[in-house]
Amino acid sequence: MYFKFALITLGVLIVLMVYRILFRSPTVFYKIQSINAFTSLCVLFLMVYVYFLKQPGFIDLAFIYIVINYIGIVTVLKYIQAIYNDQDKKL
């Protein structure tokens, strides 16, 4: 029963985070932060769902998703930082 409540709550939070990513993020950095929070919520949802189904094999997927998220966010932030540094040099 608690797992269903947790899954429903996480599902609602994921939908709200998608709304924030699409409509409420004023700058690129807020969008990146929202995407990072979205992927964290998805991993948490996956972990609770795996525990609910008693299928430990899917935990590996969650860890791979976390690593891909980390590498992707660091890469995007370095790229954006390089763009902003180049713009400062031109001024």
N, C-alpha and C. Protein backbone atom coordinates (compact mmCIF):
# COMPACT_ATOMS: atom_id res chain seq x y z
N MET A 1 0.82 -1.19 0.00
CA MET A 1 0.00 0.00 0.00
C MET A 1 0.87 1.26 0.00
N TYR A 2 1.92 1.25 0.83
CA TYR A 2 2.79 2.41 0.87
C TYR A 2 3.57 2.57 -0.43
N PHE A 3 3.86 1.45 -1.07
CA PHE A 3 4.60 1.53 -2.33
C PHE A 3 3.74 2.18 -3.41
N LYS A 4 2.47 1.85 -3.43
CA LYS A 4 1.58 2.47 -4.43
C LYS A 4 1.48 3.98 -4.19
N PHE A 5 1.36 4.36 -2.93
CA PHE A 5 1.31 5.79 -2.61
C PHE A 5 2.60 6.49 -3.02
N ALA A 6 3.74 5.84 -2.75
CA ALA A 6 5.02 6.42 -3.13
C ALA A 6 5.16 6.54 -4.64
N LEU A 7 4.71 5.51 -5.37
CA LEU A 7 4.79 5.56 -6.82
C LEU A 7 3.89 6.63 -7.41
N ILE A 8 2.69 6.78 -6.86
CA ILE A 8 1.78 7.83 -7.34
C ILE A 8 2.35 9.21 -7.04
N THR A 9 2.89 9.38 -5.84
CA THR A 9 3.48 10.67 -5.47
C THR A 9 4.67 11.01 -6.37
N LEU A 10 5.53 10.04 -6.60
CA LEU A 10 6.68 10.28 -7.48
C LEU A 10 6.23 10.56 -8.91
N GLY A 11 5.18 9.88 -9.36
CA GLY A 11 4.65 10.14 -10.69
C GLY A 11 4.13 11.57 -10.83
N VAL A 12 3.44 12.05 -9.81
CA VAL A 12 2.94 13.43 -9.83
C VAL A 12 4.11 14.41 -9.82
N LEU A 13 5.13 14.14 -9.01
CA LEU A 13 6.30 15.01 -8.98
C LEU A 13 7.04 15.02 -10.31
N ILE A 14 7.09 13.88 -10.98
CA ILE A 14 7.73 13.83 -12.30
C ILE A 14 6.97 14.67 -13.31
N VAL A 15 5.64 14.59 -13.28
CA VAL A 15 4.83 15.41 -14.19
C VAL A 15 5.03 16.90 -13.90
N LEU A 16 5.07 17.28 -12.62
CA LEU A 16 5.30 18.68 -12.27
C LEU A 16 6.69 19.14 -12.71
N MET A 17 7.66 18.26 -12.62
CA MET A 17 9.01 18.63 -13.05
C MET A 17 9.07 18.81 -14.57
N VAL A 18 8.35 17.99 -15.32
CA VAL A 18 8.29 18.17 -16.78
C VAL A 18 7.65 19.52 -17.10
N TYR A 19 6.61 19.89 -16.37
CA TYR A 19 5.98 21.21 -16.56
C TYR A 19 6.98 22.32 -16.28
N ARG A 20 7.77 22.16 -15.22
CA ARG A 20 8.77 23.18 -14.90
C ARG A 20 9.83 23.28 -15.98
N ILE A 21 10.26 22.14 -16.51
CA ILE A 21 11.28 22.15 -17.56
C ILE A 21 10.76 22.86 -18.80
N LEU A 22 9.53 22.57 -19.18
CA LEU A 22 9.01 23.10 -20.44
C LEU A 22 8.53 24.55 -20.35
N PHE A 23 7.94 24.94 -19.22
CA PHE A 23 7.26 26.23 -19.19
C PHE A 23 7.75 27.22 -18.15
N ARG A 24 8.40 26.80 -17.09
CA ARG A 24 8.69 27.70 -15.98
C ARG A 24 10.17 27.99 -15.77
N SER A 25 11.03 27.54 -16.64
CA SER A 25 12.47 27.76 -16.46
C SER A 25 12.90 28.97 -17.28
N PRO A 26 13.30 30.05 -16.60
CA PRO A 26 13.63 31.27 -17.34
C PRO A 26 14.99 31.23 -18.05
N THR A 27 15.95 30.51 -17.50
CA THR A 27 17.29 30.49 -18.10
C THR A 27 17.73 29.05 -18.36
N VAL A 28 18.85 28.94 -19.05
CA VAL A 28 19.39 27.62 -19.38
C VAL A 28 19.81 26.88 -18.12
N PHE A 29 20.36 27.60 -17.16
CA PHE A 29 20.85 26.94 -15.95
C PHE A 29 19.70 26.37 -15.13
N TYR A 30 18.56 27.05 -15.09
CA TYR A 30 17.39 26.51 -14.41
C TYR A 30 16.86 25.27 -15.13
N LYS A 31 16.93 25.29 -16.45
CA LYS A 31 16.51 24.10 -17.20
C LYS A 31 17.41 22.91 -16.91
N ILE A 32 18.71 23.14 -16.84
CA ILE A 32 19.64 22.06 -16.54
C ILE A 32 19.41 21.52 -15.14
N GLN A 33 19.18 22.42 -14.20
CA GLN A 33 18.89 21.99 -12.83
C GLN A 33 17.59 21.19 -12.77
N SER A 34 16.60 21.63 -13.52
CA SER A 34 15.32 20.91 -13.56
C SER A 34 15.47 19.53 -14.20
N ILE A 35 16.25 19.45 -15.25
CA ILE A 35 16.48 18.15 -15.89
C ILE A 35 17.22 17.20 -14.95
N ASN A 36 18.15 17.74 -14.20
CA ASN A 36 18.87 16.91 -13.22
C ASN A 36 17.91 16.41 -12.14
N ALA A 37 17.03 17.27 -11.66
CA ALA A 37 16.04 16.85 -10.66
C ALA A 37 15.07 15.83 -11.26
N PHE A 38 14.71 16.01 -12.53
CA PHE A 38 13.82 15.08 -13.20
C PHE A 38 14.44 13.69 -13.29
N THR A 39 15.70 13.63 -13.66
CA THR A 39 16.33 12.31 -13.77
C THR A 39 16.51 11.67 -12.39
N SER A 40 16.75 12.48 -11.37
CA SER A 40 16.83 11.93 -10.02
C SER A 40 15.49 11.36 -9.58
N LEU A 41 14.41 12.05 -9.90
CA LEU A 41 13.08 11.53 -9.58
C LEU A 41 12.77 10.25 -10.35
N CYS A 42 13.21 10.19 -11.59
CA CYS A 42 12.99 8.97 -12.38
C CYS A 42 13.76 7.79 -11.80
N VAL A 43 14.97 8.02 -11.35
CA VAL A 43 15.75 6.94 -10.73
C VAL A 43 15.10 6.50 -9.43
N LEU A 44 14.64 7.45 -8.64
CA LEU A 44 13.96 7.09 -7.40
C LEU A 44 12.68 6.31 -7.69
N PHE A 45 11.94 6.73 -8.71
CA PHE A 45 10.74 6.01 -9.11
C PHE A 45 11.08 4.58 -9.52
N LEU A 46 12.15 4.43 -10.30
CA LEU A 46 12.58 3.11 -10.74
C LEU A 46 13.00 2.23 -9.57
N MET A 47 13.70 2.82 -8.61
CA MET A 47 14.13 2.05 -7.44
C MET A 47 12.94 1.57 -6.61
N VAL A 48 11.96 2.44 -6.39
CA VAL A 48 10.77 2.04 -5.62
C VAL A 48 9.98 0.99 -6.39
N TYR A 49 9.87 1.15 -7.69
CA TYR A 49 9.13 0.19 -8.50
C TYR A 49 9.83 -1.18 -8.49
N VAL A 50 11.14 -1.17 -8.57
CA VAL A 50 11.91 -2.42 -8.53
C VAL A 50 11.72 -3.11 -7.18
N TYR A 51 11.74 -2.33 -6.10
CA TYR A 51 11.54 -2.91 -4.78
C TYR A 51 10.12 -3.47 -4.64
N PHE A 52 9.17 -2.77 -5.26
CA PHE A 52 7.77 -3.21 -5.23
C PHE A 52 7.60 -4.53 -5.98
N LEU A 53 8.28 -4.70 -7.11
CA LEU A 53 8.17 -5.92 -7.91
C LEU A 53 9.10 -7.04 -7.44
N LYS A 54 10.03 -6.70 -6.56
CA LYS A 54 11.02 -7.66 -6.07
C LYS A 54 11.85 -8.24 -7.22
N GLN A 55 12.29 -7.36 -8.11
CA GLN A 55 13.13 -7.72 -9.25
C GLN A 55 14.46 -6.96 -9.13
N PRO A 56 15.45 -7.51 -8.47
CA PRO A 56 16.69 -6.76 -8.23
C PRO A 56 17.53 -6.52 -9.48
N GLY A 57 17.21 -7.16 -10.58
CA GLY A 57 17.99 -6.99 -11.79
C GLY A 57 17.89 -5.60 -12.38
N PHE A 58 16.82 -4.90 -12.11
CA PHE A 58 16.63 -3.57 -12.68
C PHE A 58 17.38 -2.48 -11.92
N ILE A 59 17.95 -2.82 -10.79
CA ILE A 59 18.72 -1.82 -10.04
C ILE A 59 19.95 -1.40 -10.83
N ASP A 60 20.50 -2.32 -11.61
CA ASP A 60 21.64 -1.98 -12.47
C ASP A 60 21.25 -0.89 -13.47
N LEU A 61 20.05 -0.96 -13.99
CA LEU A 61 19.58 0.08 -14.91
C LEU A 61 19.56 1.44 -14.23
N ALA A 62 19.13 1.47 -12.99
CA ALA A 62 19.07 2.74 -12.27
C ALA A 62 20.47 3.32 -12.07
N PHE A 63 21.43 2.47 -11.74
CA PHE A 63 22.80 2.96 -11.55
C PHE A 63 23.40 3.45 -12.87
N ILE A 64 23.12 2.75 -13.95
CA ILE A 64 23.61 3.19 -15.26
C ILE A 64 22.97 4.52 -15.64
N TYR A 65 21.70 4.68 -15.33
CA TYR A 65 21.00 5.93 -15.61
C TYR A 65 21.59 7.08 -14.80
N ILE A 66 21.97 6.81 -13.57
CA ILE A 66 22.59 7.85 -12.74
C ILE A 66 23.94 8.27 -13.32
N VAL A 67 24.75 7.30 -13.75
CA VAL A 67 26.07 7.62 -14.32
C VAL A 67 25.92 8.40 -15.62
N ILE A 68 25.01 7.98 -16.48
CA ILE A 68 24.78 8.71 -17.73
C ILE A 68 24.29 10.12 -17.45
N ASN A 69 23.43 10.28 -16.47
CA ASN A 69 22.94 11.61 -16.09
C ASN A 69 24.09 12.49 -15.63
N TYR A 70 24.94 11.97 -14.77
CA TYR A 70 26.06 12.76 -14.25
C TYR A 70 27.00 13.18 -15.38
N ILE A 71 27.39 12.26 -16.23
CA ILE A 71 28.30 12.57 -17.33
C ILE A 71 27.66 13.59 -18.27
N GLY A 72 26.39 13.42 -18.57
CA GLY A 72 25.71 14.34 -19.47
C GLY A 72 25.59 15.75 -18.91
N ILE A 73 25.25 15.87 -17.63
CA ILE A 73 25.09 17.19 -17.02
C ILE A 73 26.45 17.90 -16.95
N VAL A 74 27.50 17.19 -16.56
CA VAL A 74 28.83 17.81 -16.48
C VAL A 74 29.28 18.26 -17.87
N THR A 75 29.03 17.45 -18.88
CA THR A 75 29.42 17.81 -20.24
C THR A 75 28.68 19.04 -20.73
N VAL A 76 27.39 19.08 -20.52
CA VAL A 76 26.59 20.23 -20.96
C VAL A 76 27.02 21.49 -20.22
N LEU A 77 27.25 21.40 -18.93
CA LEU A 77 27.67 22.58 -18.17
C LEU A 77 29.03 23.08 -18.61
N LYS A 78 29.96 22.18 -18.92
CA LYS A 78 31.26 22.62 -19.42
C LYS A 78 31.13 23.30 -20.78
N TYR A 79 30.26 22.79 -21.62
CA TYR A 79 30.03 23.39 -22.94
C TYR A 79 29.43 24.79 -22.79
N ILE A 80 28.44 24.93 -21.92
CA ILE A 80 27.81 26.24 -21.71
C ILE A 80 28.79 27.21 -21.07
N GLN A 81 29.60 26.73 -20.16
CA GLN A 81 30.61 27.59 -19.54
C GLN A 81 31.61 28.09 -20.59
N ALA A 82 31.99 27.23 -21.52
CA ALA A 82 32.91 27.64 -22.59
C ALA A 82 32.26 28.70 -23.47
N ILE A 83 30.98 28.55 -23.74
CA ILE A 83 30.29 29.55 -24.56
C ILE A 83 30.25 30.89 -23.85
N TYR A 84 29.92 30.89 -22.57
CA TYR A 84 29.87 32.14 -21.82
C TYR A 84 31.25 32.76 -21.66
N ASN A 85 32.29 31.96 -21.51
CA ASN A 85 33.65 32.50 -21.43
C ASN A 85 34.07 33.13 -22.74
N ASP A 86 33.70 32.52 -23.87
CA ASP A 86 34.02 33.10 -25.18
C ASP A 86 33.29 34.42 -25.40
N GLN A 87 32.07 34.53 -24.92
CA GLN A 87 31.32 35.77 -25.07
C GLN A 87 31.94 36.88 -24.23
N ASP A 88 32.45 36.54 -23.04
CA ASP A 88 33.10 37.54 -22.20
C ASP A 88 34.39 38.04 -22.82
N LYS A 89 35.11 37.18 -23.52
CA LYS A 89 36.37 37.59 -24.15
C LYS A 89 36.12 38.54 -25.32
N LYS A 90 34.98 38.36 -26.00
CA LYS A 90 34.67 39.22 -27.15
C LYS A 90 34.27 40.61 -26.72
N LEU A 91 33.77 40.76 -25.52
CA LEU A 91 33.37 42.09 -25.02
C LEU A 91 34.60 42.85 -24.65
